[in-house]
Amino acid sequence: MPGLVCLTLLLGCSDTPLELSGPRPMSIQGFTLADWSAFGYSNRHSDIAIRNLGELGVTDCAILITTYQSSPSTSQLRLNDARTPGRNSVARALSEAHRQGMEVTLKLHVDIDDGTWRAEIDPENPEAWFAAYETFVFTWAERAESWGVRQLIVGTELAGTLKHEQAWRDLIQGCRERFHGDLVYAASWDEAALVPFWDALDFVGINTYFPVATRRDPGRLEIMEAWQPWLSRMQLLHEQTDKQILVTEIGYRSIDGAGLHPYQFNTSGTLDLREQADLYWAALQVLAEPDWIEGVYWWNWLANGAGGPLNRDFTPFGKEAEQILRDAWTSPTP
């Protein structure tokens, strides 16, 4: 991996706030705008959040749209759940993002009422589940086409459904007939190598919640070194599929030890703004180097404006990590 030798030689000073040359601009410098309500994208708080993203140098705004089901095994989706953003709400956010000069992606999720991870969805009646899911996806694909959306993320971390390969291929083909932008599937980092239909999509999407630390408060170069085996795996997948890699999610909570298990979202932890900032810095450095990485979508920026220096969640808003990102995405590359 390029740069690894130099990286190893520098590890003795890995606890210093090292400054390397600025990362190259990527084709997609993205963020996911997140809300879990019907009208959360249709108010001034959301407008302000989108303007804040534009000021950060974000080129692509992914708008999160979630549908719900009662259990992992049910074959029914509630397509009109009160927490699913409405058409007009999403349209307002999209219009504001376009006014700020950003491209827009619609990112589709399925959540389970009891909080079970969506990767465990394994419906008792797959035909009925896929019929319901197609209704959800095709509805937003048609809207995406009429709105001039750049990308549609047709599924996220649905590992339990991958065995139904033909159903996925039929769904992707149905999206092609309705939407002429890029189609992406967002696989969990431990699922990506198992997806059997990458050839039908435009990018290999990976939610990169890799463990990138072996201790709390690692130095920046330690984090960069921990990224190297994960980069090698991503490059192998790029070579096997002949597709560009798109980081469909990456994020770190502002807590002590965030790099140990980045995928954990509901554990307690001590506030640590610096560790989040260091994790951002290292990720921006390593992901900008390979030319086979198309770009990234950070997780997440909350439409309700939540964040700030006492917030322990993923958002960098009002924290040291926000400035790290601003420096990387708005400063000229030396």
C-alpha atoms as a PDB file:
ATOM      1  CA  MET A   1       0.000   0.000   0.000  1.00  0.00           C
ATOM      2  CA  PRO A   2       1.521   3.362  -0.995  1.00  0.00           C
ATOM      3  CA  GLY A   3       2.792   5.365   1.909  1.00  0.00           C
ATOM      4  CA  LEU A   4       2.906   2.461   4.351  1.00  0.00           C
ATOM      5  CA  VAL A   5       6.717   2.400   4.611  1.00  0.00           C
ATOM      6  CA  CYS A   6       6.859   6.094   5.448  1.00  0.00           C
ATOM      7  CA  LEU A   7       3.993   5.624   7.828  1.00  0.00           C
ATOM      8  CA  THR A   8       5.804   2.879   9.708  1.00  0.00           C
ATOM      9  CA  LEU A   9       8.941   4.996  10.043  1.00  0.00           C
ATOM     10  CA  LEU A  10       6.951   7.823  11.573  1.00  0.00           C
ATOM     11  CA  LEU A  11       5.106   5.790  14.174  1.00  0.00           C
ATOM     12  CA  GLY A  12       7.407   6.936  16.928  1.00  0.00           C
ATOM     13  CA  CYS A  13       5.693  10.324  16.869  1.00  0.00           C
ATOM     14  CA  SER A  14       2.185   8.956  16.383  1.00  0.00           C
ATOM     15  CA  ASP A  15       0.742  10.796  19.378  1.00  0.00           C
ATOM     16  CA  THR A  16       1.521  14.221  17.935  1.00  0.00           C
ATOM     17  CA  PRO A  17      -1.092  16.259  16.020  1.00  0.00           C
ATOM     18  CA  LEU A  18       0.788  15.555  12.789  1.00  0.00           C
ATOM     19  CA  GLU A  19       0.083  17.714   9.754  1.00  0.00           C
ATOM     20  CA  LEU A  20       0.507  16.038   6.373  1.00  0.00           C
ATOM     21  CA  SER A  21      -0.233  17.516   2.966  1.00  0.00           C
ATOM     22  CA  GLY A  22      -3.922  18.199   2.428  1.00  0.00           C
ATOM     23  CA  PRO A  23      -5.989  15.295   1.076  1.00  0.00           C
ATOM     24  CA  ARG A  24      -6.915  15.376  -2.614  1.00  0.00           C
ATOM     25  CA  PRO A  25     -10.453  16.481  -3.455  1.00  0.00           C
ATOM     26  CA  MET A  26     -12.716  13.494  -4.097  1.00  0.00           C
ATOM     27  CA  SER A  27     -15.497  13.330  -6.664  1.00  0.00           C
ATOM     28  CA  ILE A  28     -18.028  12.937  -3.856  1.00  0.00           C
ATOM     29  CA  GLN A  29     -17.483  14.814  -0.599  1.00  0.00           C
ATOM     30  CA  GLY A  30     -20.734  13.812   1.007  1.00  0.00           C
ATOM     31  CA  PHE A  31     -22.747  13.895   4.205  1.00  0.00           C
ATOM     32  CA  THR A  32     -25.969  12.147   5.195  1.00  0.00           C
ATOM     33  CA  LEU A  33     -28.688  14.499   6.398  1.00  0.00           C
ATOM     34  CA  ALA A  34     -30.655  12.462   8.926  1.00  0.00           C
ATOM     35  CA  ASP A  35     -34.110  12.675  10.420  1.00  0.00           C
ATOM     36  CA  TRP A  36     -36.673  10.123  11.539  1.00  0.00           C
ATOM     37  CA  SER A  37     -39.972  11.971  11.310  1.00  0.00           C
ATOM     38  CA  ALA A  38     -42.548  12.869   8.677  1.00  0.00           C
ATOM     39  CA  PHE A  39     -41.821  16.600   8.602  1.00  0.00           C
ATOM     40  CA  GLY A  40     -38.267  16.931   9.904  1.00  0.00           C
ATOM     41  CA  TYR A  41     -36.869  18.080   6.561  1.00  0.00           C
ATOM     42  CA  SER A  42     -39.510  20.784   6.060  1.00  0.00           C
ATOM     43  CA  ASN A  43     -38.574  23.464   8.587  1.00  0.00           C
ATOM     44  CA  ARG A  44     -35.976  26.183   9.114  1.00  0.00           C
ATOM     45  CA  HIS A  45     -33.762  23.934  11.267  1.00  0.00           C
ATOM     46  CA  SER A  46     -33.297  21.604   8.323  1.00  0.00           C
ATOM     47  CA  ASP A  47     -32.692  24.544   5.969  1.00  0.00           C
ATOM     48  CA  ILE A  48     -29.960  25.836   8.281  1.00  0.00           C
ATOM     49  CA  ALA A  49     -28.398  22.369   8.591  1.00  0.00           C
ATOM     50  CA  ILE A  50     -28.188  22.081   4.800  1.00  0.00           C
ATOM     51  CA  ARG A  51     -26.625  25.532   4.501  1.00  0.00           C
ATOM     52  CA  ASN A  52     -24.074  24.499   7.129  1.00  0.00           C
ATOM     53  CA  LEU A  53     -23.179  21.473   5.010  1.00  0.00           C
ATOM     54  CA  GLY A  54     -22.635  23.680   1.983  1.00  0.00           C
ATOM     55  CA  GLU A  55     -20.243  25.873   3.982  1.00  0.00           C
ATOM     56  CA  LEU A  56     -18.233  22.747   4.917  1.00  0.00           C
ATOM     57  CA  GLY A  57     -17.400  22.013   1.289  1.00  0.00           C
ATOM     58  CA  VAL A  58     -19.923  19.185   0.993  1.00  0.00           C
ATOM     59  CA  THR A  59     -20.609  18.419  -2.673  1.00  0.00           C
ATOM     60  CA  ASP A  60     -23.249  15.729  -2.179  1.00  0.00           C
ATOM     61  CA  CYS A  61     -26.068  15.583   0.365  1.00  0.00           C
ATOM     62  CA  ALA A  62     -27.630  12.176   1.034  1.00  0.00           C
ATOM     63  CA  ILE A  63     -31.146  12.521   2.411  1.00  0.00           C
ATOM     64  CA  LEU A  64     -32.116   9.630   4.678  1.00  0.00           C
ATOM     65  CA  ILE A  65     -35.528   8.010   4.094  1.00  0.00           C
ATOM     66  CA  THR A  66     -36.549   5.167   6.414  1.00  0.00           C
ATOM     67  CA  THR A  67     -39.403   2.682   6.287  1.00  0.00           C
ATOM     68  CA  TYR A  68     -40.242   0.323   9.141  1.00  0.00           C
ATOM     69  CA  GLN A  69     -41.220  -3.220   9.983  1.00  0.00           C
ATOM     70  CA  SER A  70     -42.296  -4.823  13.255  1.00  0.00           C
ATOM     71  CA  SER A  71     -39.771  -7.673  13.477  1.00  0.00           C
ATOM     72  CA  PRO A  72     -36.890  -9.215  11.506  1.00  0.00           C
ATOM     73  CA  SER A  73     -39.076 -12.080  10.248  1.00  0.00           C
ATOM     74  CA  THR A  74     -42.187 -10.161   9.190  1.00  0.00           C
ATOM     75  CA  SER A  75     -42.952  -9.896   5.497  1.00  0.00           C
ATOM     76  CA  GLN A  76     -44.733  -6.558   5.771  1.00  0.00           C
ATOM     77  CA  LEU A  77     -43.386  -2.998   5.650  1.00  0.00           C
ATOM     78  CA  ARG A  78     -45.271   0.024   6.952  1.00  0.00           C
ATOM     79  CA  LEU A  79     -44.862   2.334   3.978  1.00  0.00           C
ATOM     80  CA  ASN A  80     -46.822   5.159   5.621  1.00  0.00           C
ATOM     81  CA  ASP A  81     -45.230   5.072   9.051  1.00  0.00           C
ATOM     82  CA  ALA A  82     -45.379   8.401  10.904  1.00  0.00           C
ATOM     83  CA  ARG A  83     -41.575   8.418  11.093  1.00  0.00           C
ATOM     84  CA  THR A  84     -41.023   8.100   7.336  1.00  0.00           C
ATOM     85  CA  PRO A  85     -40.294  11.484   5.701  1.00  0.00           C
ATOM     86  CA  GLY A  86     -43.090  12.670   3.458  1.00  0.00           C
ATOM     87  CA  ARG A  87     -42.676  13.568  -0.193  1.00  0.00           C
ATOM     88  CA  ASN A  88     -43.004  17.314   0.343  1.00  0.00           C
ATOM     89  CA  SER A  89     -40.582  17.275   3.266  1.00  0.00           C
ATOM     90  CA  VAL A  90     -37.889  15.517   1.221  1.00  0.00           C
ATOM     91  CA  ALA A  91     -38.580  17.793  -1.750  1.00  0.00           C
ATOM     92  CA  ARG A  92     -37.943  20.878   0.388  1.00  0.00           C
ATOM     93  CA  ALA A  93     -34.614  19.517   1.650  1.00  0.00           C
ATOM     94  CA  LEU A  94     -33.615  18.575  -1.871  1.00  0.00           C
ATOM     95  CA  SER A  95     -34.453  22.043  -3.186  1.00  0.00           C
ATOM     96  CA  GLU A  96     -32.408  23.677  -0.441  1.00  0.00           C
ATOM     97  CA  ALA A  97     -29.439  21.384  -1.148  1.00  0.00           C
ATOM     98  CA  HIS A  98     -29.630  22.254  -4.839  1.00  0.00           C
ATOM     99  CA  ARG A  99     -29.740  25.963  -3.949  1.00  0.00           C
ATOM    100  CA  GLN A 100     -26.493  25.455  -2.031  1.00  0.00           C
ATOM    101  CA  GLY A 101     -24.889  23.909  -5.115  1.00  0.00           C
ATOM    102  CA  MET A 102     -24.928  20.320  -3.857  1.00  0.00           C
ATOM    103  CA  GLU A 103     -25.897  17.160  -5.692  1.00  0.00           C
ATOM    104  CA  VAL A 104     -28.487  15.000  -3.908  1.00  0.00           C
ATOM    105  CA  THR A 105     -28.663  11.300  -3.116  1.00  0.00           C
ATOM    106  CA  LEU A 106     -31.694   9.540  -1.657  1.00  0.00           C
ATOM    107  CA  LYS A 107     -30.570   6.926   0.892  1.00  0.00           C
ATOM    108  CA  LEU A 108     -33.133   4.249   1.707  1.00  0.00           C
ATOM    109  CA  HIS A 109     -33.185   2.393   5.032  1.00  0.00           C
ATOM    110  CA  VAL A 110     -35.373  -0.210   6.717  1.00  0.00           C
ATOM    111  CA  ASP A 111     -35.537  -0.074  10.521  1.00  0.00           C
ATOM    112  CA  ILE A 112     -37.088  -2.563  12.942  1.00  0.00           C
ATOM    113  CA  ASP A 113     -39.356  -1.347  15.725  1.00  0.00           C
ATOM    114  CA  ASP A 114     -37.464  -3.064  18.550  1.00  0.00           C
ATOM    115  CA  GLY A 115     -34.069  -1.756  17.449  1.00  0.00           C
ATOM    116  CA  THR A 116     -32.782  -5.034  15.976  1.00  0.00           C
ATOM    117  CA  TRP A 117     -30.109  -4.356  13.377  1.00  0.00           C
ATOM    118  CA  ARG A 118     -31.510  -4.368   9.836  1.00  0.00           C
ATOM    119  CA  ALA A 119     -28.891  -6.934   8.770  1.00  0.00           C
ATOM    120  CA  GLU A 120     -30.963  -9.532  10.634  1.00  0.00           C
ATOM    121  CA  ILE A 121     -34.042  -9.024   8.456  1.00  0.00           C
ATOM    122  CA  ASP A 122     -34.939 -12.474   7.100  1.00  0.00           C
ATOM    123  CA  PRO A 123     -38.612 -12.481   6.117  1.00  0.00           C
ATOM    124  CA  GLU A 124     -40.740 -15.600   6.453  1.00  0.00           C
ATOM    125  CA  ASN A 125     -42.280 -14.836   3.058  1.00  0.00           C
ATOM    126  CA  PRO A 126     -39.502 -13.359   0.898  1.00  0.00           C
ATOM    127  CA  GLU A 127     -41.779 -12.795  -2.111  1.00  0.00           C
ATOM    128  CA  ALA A 128     -44.184 -10.696  -0.039  1.00  0.00           C
ATOM    129  CA  TRP A 129     -41.341  -8.753   1.592  1.00  0.00           C
ATOM    130  CA  PHE A 130     -39.662  -7.943  -1.708  1.00  0.00           C
ATOM    131  CA  ALA A 131     -43.006  -6.917  -3.206  1.00  0.00           C
ATOM    132  CA  ALA A 132     -43.483  -4.452  -0.348  1.00  0.00           C
ATOM    133  CA  TYR A 133     -39.895  -3.284  -0.538  1.00  0.00           C
ATOM    134  CA  GLU A 134     -40.146  -2.750  -4.289  1.00  0.00           C
ATOM    135  CA  THR A 135     -43.162  -0.509  -3.720  1.00  0.00           C
ATOM    136  CA  PHE A 136     -41.076   1.583  -1.303  1.00  0.00           C
ATOM    137  CA  VAL A 137     -37.984   1.724  -3.522  1.00  0.00           C
ATOM    138  CA  PHE A 138     -39.785   2.290  -6.819  1.00  0.00           C
ATOM    139  CA  THR A 139     -41.831   5.141  -5.340  1.00  0.00           C
ATOM    140  CA  TRP A 140     -38.661   6.988  -4.373  1.00  0.00           C
ATOM    141  CA  ALA A 141     -36.904   6.019  -7.614  1.00  0.00           C
ATOM    142  CA  GLU A 142     -39.651   7.734  -9.601  1.00  0.00           C
ATOM    143  CA  ARG A 143     -39.441  10.809  -7.391  1.00  0.00           C
ATOM    144  CA  ALA A 144     -35.665  10.813  -7.671  1.00  0.00           C
ATOM    145  CA  GLU A 145     -35.958  10.828 -11.455  1.00  0.00           C
ATOM    146  CA  SER A 146     -38.374  13.764 -11.476  1.00  0.00           C
ATOM    147  CA  TRP A 147     -36.233  15.738  -9.015  1.00  0.00           C
ATOM    148  CA  GLY A 148     -32.894  15.373 -10.796  1.00  0.00           C
ATOM    149  CA  VAL A 149     -31.276  13.277  -8.062  1.00  0.00           C
ATOM    150  CA  ARG A 150     -27.693  12.106  -8.665  1.00  0.00           C
ATOM    151  CA  GLN A 151     -27.785   8.750  -6.857  1.00  0.00           C
ATOM    152  CA  LEU A 152     -30.255   6.343  -5.297  1.00  0.00           C
ATOM    153  CA  ILE A 153     -29.034   4.028  -2.550  1.00  0.00           C
ATOM    154  CA  VAL A 154     -31.458   1.149  -3.073  1.00  0.00           C
ATOM    155  CA  GLY A 155     -30.690  -0.719   0.140  1.00  0.00           C
ATOM    156  CA  THR A 156     -28.578  -0.494   3.273  1.00  0.00           C
ATOM    157  CA  GLU A 157     -27.077  -3.344   5.330  1.00  0.00           C
ATOM    158  CA  LEU A 158     -29.711  -5.938   4.383  1.00  0.00           C
ATOM    159  CA  ALA A 159     -27.332  -8.881   4.665  1.00  0.00           C
ATOM    160  CA  GLY A 160     -30.077 -11.320   5.644  1.00  0.00           C
ATOM    161  CA  THR A 161     -31.753 -10.864   2.260  1.00  0.00           C
ATOM    162  CA  LEU A 162     -28.693 -11.365   0.030  1.00  0.00           C
ATOM    163  CA  LYS A 163     -29.529 -15.041  -0.504  1.00  0.00           C
ATOM    164  CA  HIS A 164     -32.450 -13.859  -2.626  1.00  0.00           C
ATOM    165  CA  GLU A 165     -30.139 -12.724  -5.400  1.00  0.00           C
ATOM    166  CA  GLN A 166     -32.666 -12.798  -8.228  1.00  0.00           C
ATOM    167  CA  ALA A 167     -35.126 -10.694  -6.237  1.00  0.00           C
ATOM    168  CA  TRP A 168     -32.415  -8.073  -5.783  1.00  0.00           C
ATOM    169  CA  ARG A 169     -31.524  -8.162  -9.468  1.00  0.00           C
ATOM    170  CA  ASP A 170     -35.185  -7.717 -10.383  1.00  0.00           C
ATOM    171  CA  LEU A 171     -35.437  -4.770  -7.985  1.00  0.00           C
ATOM    172  CA  ILE A 172     -32.312  -3.133  -9.438  1.00  0.00           C
ATOM    173  CA  GLN A 173     -33.618  -3.606 -12.977  1.00  0.00           C
ATOM    174  CA  GLY A 174     -36.920  -2.066 -11.944  1.00  0.00           C
ATOM    175  CA  CYS A 175     -35.014   0.934 -10.592  1.00  0.00           C
ATOM    176  CA  ARG A 176     -33.126   1.258 -13.890  1.00  0.00           C
ATOM    177  CA  GLU A 177     -36.453   1.517 -15.703  1.00  0.00           C
ATOM    178  CA  ARG A 178     -37.567   4.364 -13.413  1.00  0.00           C
ATOM    179  CA  PHE A 179     -34.372   6.246 -12.576  1.00  0.00           C
ATOM    180  CA  HIS A 180     -31.404   7.134 -14.770  1.00  0.00           C
ATOM    181  CA  GLY A 181     -28.908   8.235 -12.135  1.00  0.00           C
ATOM    182  CA  ASP A 182     -26.405   6.051 -10.304  1.00  0.00           C
ATOM    183  CA  LEU A 183     -27.657   3.052  -8.312  1.00  0.00           C
ATOM    184  CA  VAL A 184     -25.776   1.985  -5.188  1.00  0.00           C
ATOM    185  CA  TYR A 185     -26.166  -0.624  -2.450  1.00  0.00           C
ATOM    186  CA  ALA A 186     -24.671   0.271   0.948  1.00  0.00           C
ATOM    187  CA  ALA A 187     -23.180  -2.893   2.447  1.00  0.00           C
ATOM    188  CA  SER A 188     -21.971  -3.195   6.000  1.00  0.00           C
ATOM    189  CA  TRP A 189     -18.185  -3.465   6.227  1.00  0.00           C
ATOM    190  CA  ASP A 190     -18.464  -7.163   7.169  1.00  0.00           C
ATOM    191  CA  GLU A 191     -21.015  -7.868   4.410  1.00  0.00           C
ATOM    192  CA  ALA A 192     -19.466  -6.218   1.356  1.00  0.00           C
ATOM    193  CA  ALA A 193     -17.487  -9.247   0.131  1.00  0.00           C
ATOM    194  CA  LEU A 194     -20.673 -11.371   0.141  1.00  0.00           C
ATOM    195  CA  VAL A 195     -22.891  -9.183  -2.046  1.00  0.00           C
ATOM    196  CA  PRO A 196     -23.633 -11.222  -5.219  1.00  0.00           C
ATOM    197  CA  PHE A 197     -25.008  -8.433  -7.425  1.00  0.00           C
ATOM    198  CA  TRP A 198     -22.289  -5.768  -7.485  1.00  0.00           C
ATOM    199  CA  ASP A 199     -22.109  -6.141 -11.264  1.00  0.00           C
ATOM    200  CA  ALA A 200     -25.652  -4.754 -11.570  1.00  0.00           C
ATOM    201  CA  LEU A 201     -24.794  -1.517  -9.731  1.00  0.00           C
ATOM    202  CA  ASP A 202     -22.710   1.560 -10.493  1.00  0.00           C
ATOM    203  CA  PHE A 203     -20.518   1.556  -7.379  1.00  0.00           C
ATOM    204  CA  VAL A 204     -19.525  -0.797  -4.585  1.00  0.00           C
ATOM    205  CA  GLY A 205     -20.966   0.917  -1.516  1.00  0.00           C
ATOM    206  CA  ILE A 206     -19.412   0.157   1.867  1.00  0.00           C
ATOM    207  CA  ASN A 207     -20.338   1.426   5.326  1.00  0.00           C
ATOM    208  CA  THR A 208     -16.808   1.530   6.708  1.00  0.00           C
ATOM    209  CA  TYR A 209     -17.226   1.140  10.460  1.00  0.00           C
ATOM    210  CA  PHE A 210     -13.932  -0.729  10.652  1.00  0.00           C
ATOM    211  CA  PRO A 211     -12.158  -0.948  14.021  1.00  0.00           C
ATOM    212  CA  VAL A 212      -9.264   1.476  13.499  1.00  0.00           C
ATOM    213  CA  ALA A 213      -7.804   1.565  17.008  1.00  0.00           C
ATOM    214  CA  THR A 214      -6.420  -0.923  19.480  1.00  0.00           C
ATOM    215  CA  ARG A 215      -6.546   1.416  22.466  1.00  0.00           C
ATOM    216  CA  ARG A 216      -8.320   4.520  23.664  1.00  0.00           C
ATOM    217  CA  ASP A 217      -6.908   7.846  22.486  1.00  0.00           C
ATOM    218  CA  PRO A 218      -4.677   6.459  19.725  1.00  0.00           C
ATOM    219  CA  GLY A 219      -2.318   8.767  17.890  1.00  0.00           C
ATOM    220  CA  ARG A 220      -3.170   9.910  14.396  1.00  0.00           C
ATOM    221  CA  LEU A 221      -0.514   7.762  12.756  1.00  0.00           C
ATOM    222  CA  GLU A 222      -1.638   4.739  14.759  1.00  0.00           C
ATOM    223  CA  ILE A 223      -5.086   5.220  13.295  1.00  0.00           C
ATOM    224  CA  MET A 224      -3.653   5.551   9.785  1.00  0.00           C
ATOM    225  CA  GLU A 225      -1.682   2.339  10.244  1.00  0.00           C
ATOM    226  CA  ALA A 226      -4.790   0.517  11.501  1.00  0.00           C
ATOM    227  CA  TRP A 227      -6.577   1.550   8.302  1.00  0.00           C
ATOM    228  CA  GLN A 228      -4.049  -0.219   6.036  1.00  0.00           C
ATOM    229  CA  PRO A 229      -5.446  -3.792   6.125  1.00  0.00           C
ATOM    230  CA  TRP A 230      -8.955  -2.461   5.595  1.00  0.00           C
ATOM    231  CA  LEU A 231      -7.790  -0.440   2.607  1.00  0.00           C
ATOM    232  CA  SER A 232      -6.209  -3.596   1.195  1.00  0.00           C
ATOM    233  CA  ARG A 233      -9.524  -5.456   1.501  1.00  0.00           C
ATOM    234  CA  MET A 234     -11.380  -2.592  -0.146  1.00  0.00           C
ATOM    235  CA  GLN A 235      -8.864  -2.499  -2.983  1.00  0.00           C
ATOM    236  CA  LEU A 236      -9.282  -6.251  -3.520  1.00  0.00           C
ATOM    237  CA  LEU A 237     -13.033  -5.797  -3.795  1.00  0.00           C
ATOM    238  CA  HIS A 238     -12.478  -2.981  -6.275  1.00  0.00           C
ATOM    239  CA  GLU A 239     -10.274  -5.256  -8.382  1.00  0.00           C
ATOM    240  CA  GLN A 240     -12.685  -8.206  -8.175  1.00  0.00           C
ATOM    241  CA  THR A 241     -15.712  -6.147  -9.206  1.00  0.00           C
ATOM    242  CA  ASP A 242     -14.006  -3.630 -11.496  1.00  0.00           C
ATOM    243  CA  LYS A 243     -16.088  -0.953  -9.739  1.00  0.00           C
ATOM    244  CA  GLN A 244     -15.139   2.217  -7.913  1.00  0.00           C
ATOM    245  CA  ILE A 245     -15.571   2.051  -4.137  1.00  0.00           C
ATOM    246  CA  LEU A 246     -18.005   4.534  -2.613  1.00  0.00           C
ATOM    247  CA  VAL A 247     -17.883   4.927   1.164  1.00  0.00           C
ATOM    248  CA  THR A 248     -21.622   5.134   1.782  1.00  0.00           C
ATOM    249  CA  GLU A 249     -21.180   5.649   5.520  1.00  0.00           C
ATOM    250  CA  ILE A 250     -18.306   6.548   7.779  1.00  0.00           C
ATOM    251  CA  GLY A 251     -18.550   8.134  11.183  1.00  0.00           C
ATOM    252  CA  TYR A 252     -17.315   8.211  14.751  1.00  0.00           C
ATOM    253  CA  ARG A 253     -18.992   9.208  17.977  1.00  0.00           C
ATOM    254  CA  SER A 254     -17.362  11.887  20.115  1.00  0.00           C
ATOM    255  CA  ILE A 255     -16.570   9.515  22.969  1.00  0.00           C
ATOM    256  CA  ASP A 256     -13.459   7.985  24.449  1.00  0.00           C
ATOM    257  CA  GLY A 257     -12.610   4.789  22.553  1.00  0.00           C
ATOM    258  CA  ALA A 258     -14.726   5.607  19.503  1.00  0.00           C
ATOM    259  CA  GLY A 259     -12.207   4.021  17.132  1.00  0.00           C
ATOM    260  CA  LEU A 260     -12.363   0.624  18.843  1.00  0.00           C
ATOM    261  CA  HIS A 261     -15.927  -0.191  17.775  1.00  0.00           C
ATOM    262  CA  PRO A 262     -17.162   2.587  15.473  1.00  0.00           C
ATOM    263  CA  TYR A 263     -20.339   0.656  14.645  1.00  0.00           C
ATOM    264  CA  GLN A 264     -21.642   0.824  18.225  1.00  0.00           C
ATOM    265  CA  PHE A 265     -24.232   3.571  18.434  1.00  0.00           C
ATOM    266  CA  ASN A 266     -26.047   2.927  21.717  1.00  0.00           C
ATOM    267  CA  THR A 267     -23.260   2.373  24.256  1.00  0.00           C
ATOM    268  CA  SER A 268     -22.290   4.826  26.960  1.00  0.00           C
ATOM    269  CA  GLY A 269     -18.968   6.621  26.890  1.00  0.00           C
ATOM    270  CA  THR A 270     -17.009   9.571  28.198  1.00  0.00           C
ATOM    271  CA  LEU A 271     -17.104  12.701  26.063  1.00  0.00           C
ATOM    272  CA  ASP A 272     -13.949  12.996  23.945  1.00  0.00           C
ATOM    273  CA  LEU A 273     -14.038  15.579  21.174  1.00  0.00           C
ATOM    274  CA  ARG A 274     -10.347  15.241  20.348  1.00  0.00           C
ATOM    275  CA  GLU A 275     -10.524  11.511  19.660  1.00  0.00           C
ATOM    276  CA  GLN A 276     -13.378  12.052  17.204  1.00  0.00           C
ATOM    277  CA  ALA A 277     -11.352  14.791  15.525  1.00  0.00           C
ATOM    278  CA  ASP A 278      -8.285  12.553  15.229  1.00  0.00           C
ATOM    279  CA  LEU A 279     -10.384   9.761  13.710  1.00  0.00           C
ATOM    280  CA  TYR A 280     -11.799  12.208  11.168  1.00  0.00           C
ATOM    281  CA  TRP A 281      -8.336  13.502  10.313  1.00  0.00           C
ATOM    282  CA  ALA A 282      -6.889  10.028   9.729  1.00  0.00           C
ATOM    283  CA  ALA A 283      -9.852   8.854   7.645  1.00  0.00           C
ATOM    284  CA  LEU A 284      -9.709  11.953   5.458  1.00  0.00           C
ATOM    285  CA  GLN A 285      -6.013  11.318   4.819  1.00  0.00           C
ATOM    286  CA  VAL A 286      -6.196   7.610   3.990  1.00  0.00           C
ATOM    287  CA  LEU A 287      -9.405   7.640   1.967  1.00  0.00           C
ATOM    288  CA  ALA A 288      -8.283  10.493  -0.256  1.00  0.00           C
ATOM    289  CA  GLU A 289      -5.150   8.699  -1.457  1.00  0.00           C
ATOM    290  CA  PRO A 290      -6.471   5.761  -3.567  1.00  0.00           C
ATOM    291  CA  ASP A 291      -7.858   6.757  -6.949  1.00  0.00           C
ATOM    292  CA  TRP A 292     -10.256   3.781  -6.804  1.00  0.00           C
ATOM    293  CA  ILE A 293     -12.264   5.463  -4.026  1.00  0.00           C
ATOM    294  CA  GLU A 294     -14.917   7.683  -5.605  1.00  0.00           C
ATOM    295  CA  GLY A 295     -15.807   9.505  -2.409  1.00  0.00           C
ATOM    296  CA  VAL A 296     -17.415   9.345   1.009  1.00  0.00           C
ATOM    297  CA  TYR A 297     -20.652  10.104   2.823  1.00  0.00           C
ATOM    298  CA  TRP A 298     -20.085  10.976   6.486  1.00  0.00           C
ATOM    299  CA  TRP A 299     -22.650   9.837   9.057  1.00  0.00           C
ATOM    300  CA  ASN A 300     -24.351  12.058  10.030  1.00  0.00           C
ATOM    301  CA  TRP A 301     -25.623  15.661  10.176  1.00  0.00           C
ATOM    302  CA  LEU A 302     -28.934  15.989  11.979  1.00  0.00           C
ATOM    303  CA  ALA A 303     -31.707  17.981  10.322  1.00  0.00           C
ATOM    304  CA  ASN A 304     -32.957  19.221  13.697  1.00  0.00           C
ATOM    305  CA  GLY A 305     -29.660  21.006  14.357  1.00  0.00           C
ATOM    306  CA  ALA A 306     -28.549  18.799  17.249  1.00  0.00           C
ATOM    307  CA  GLY A 307     -24.864  18.669  18.099  1.00  0.00           C
ATOM    308  CA  GLY A 308     -22.451  20.902  19.941  1.00  0.00           C
ATOM    309  CA  PRO A 309     -19.505  20.324  22.280  1.00  0.00           C
ATOM    310  CA  LEU A 310     -21.510  18.285  24.823  1.00  0.00           C
ATOM    311  CA  ASN A 311     -23.015  15.933  22.250  1.00  0.00           C
ATOM    312  CA  ARG A 312     -21.630  12.359  22.287  1.00  0.00           C
ATOM    313  CA  ASP A 313     -23.277  11.188  19.079  1.00  0.00           C
ATOM    314  CA  PHE A 314     -21.890  10.837  15.530  1.00  0.00           C
ATOM    315  CA  THR A 315     -22.525  14.360  14.291  1.00  0.00           C
ATOM    316  CA  PRO A 316     -19.416  16.590  14.136  1.00  0.00           C
ATOM    317  CA  PHE A 317     -21.548  19.748  14.281  1.00  0.00           C
ATOM    318  CA  GLY A 318     -20.107  22.231  16.744  1.00  0.00           C
ATOM    319  CA  LYS A 319     -17.139  19.976  17.577  1.00  0.00           C
ATOM    320  CA  GLU A 320     -13.425  19.821  16.749  1.00  0.00           C
ATOM    321  CA  ALA A 321     -14.140  17.283  14.003  1.00  0.00           C
ATOM    322  CA  GLU A 322     -16.166  19.879  12.119  1.00  0.00           C
ATOM    323  CA  GLN A 323     -13.111  22.092  11.765  1.00  0.00           C
ATOM    324  CA  ILE A 324     -10.991  19.129  10.663  1.00  0.00           C
ATOM    325  CA  LEU A 325     -13.494  18.469   7.902  1.00  0.00           C
ATOM    326  CA  ARG A 326     -13.744  22.123   6.939  1.00  0.00           C
ATOM    327  CA  ASP A 327      -9.964  22.385   6.603  1.00  0.00           C
ATOM    328  CA  ALA A 328      -9.862  19.277   4.408  1.00  0.00           C
ATOM    329  CA  TRP A 329     -12.758  20.147   2.135  1.00  0.00           C
ATOM    330  CA  THR A 330     -12.523  23.917   1.763  1.00  0.00           C
ATOM    331  CA  SER A 331      -8.791  24.655   1.884  1.00  0.00           C
ATOM    332  CA  PRO A 332      -6.806  24.586  -1.381  1.00  0.00           C
ATOM    333  CA  THR A 333      -4.650  21.478  -1.770  1.00  0.00           C
ATOM    334  CA  PRO A 334      -0.926  22.413  -1.603  1.00  0.00           C
END
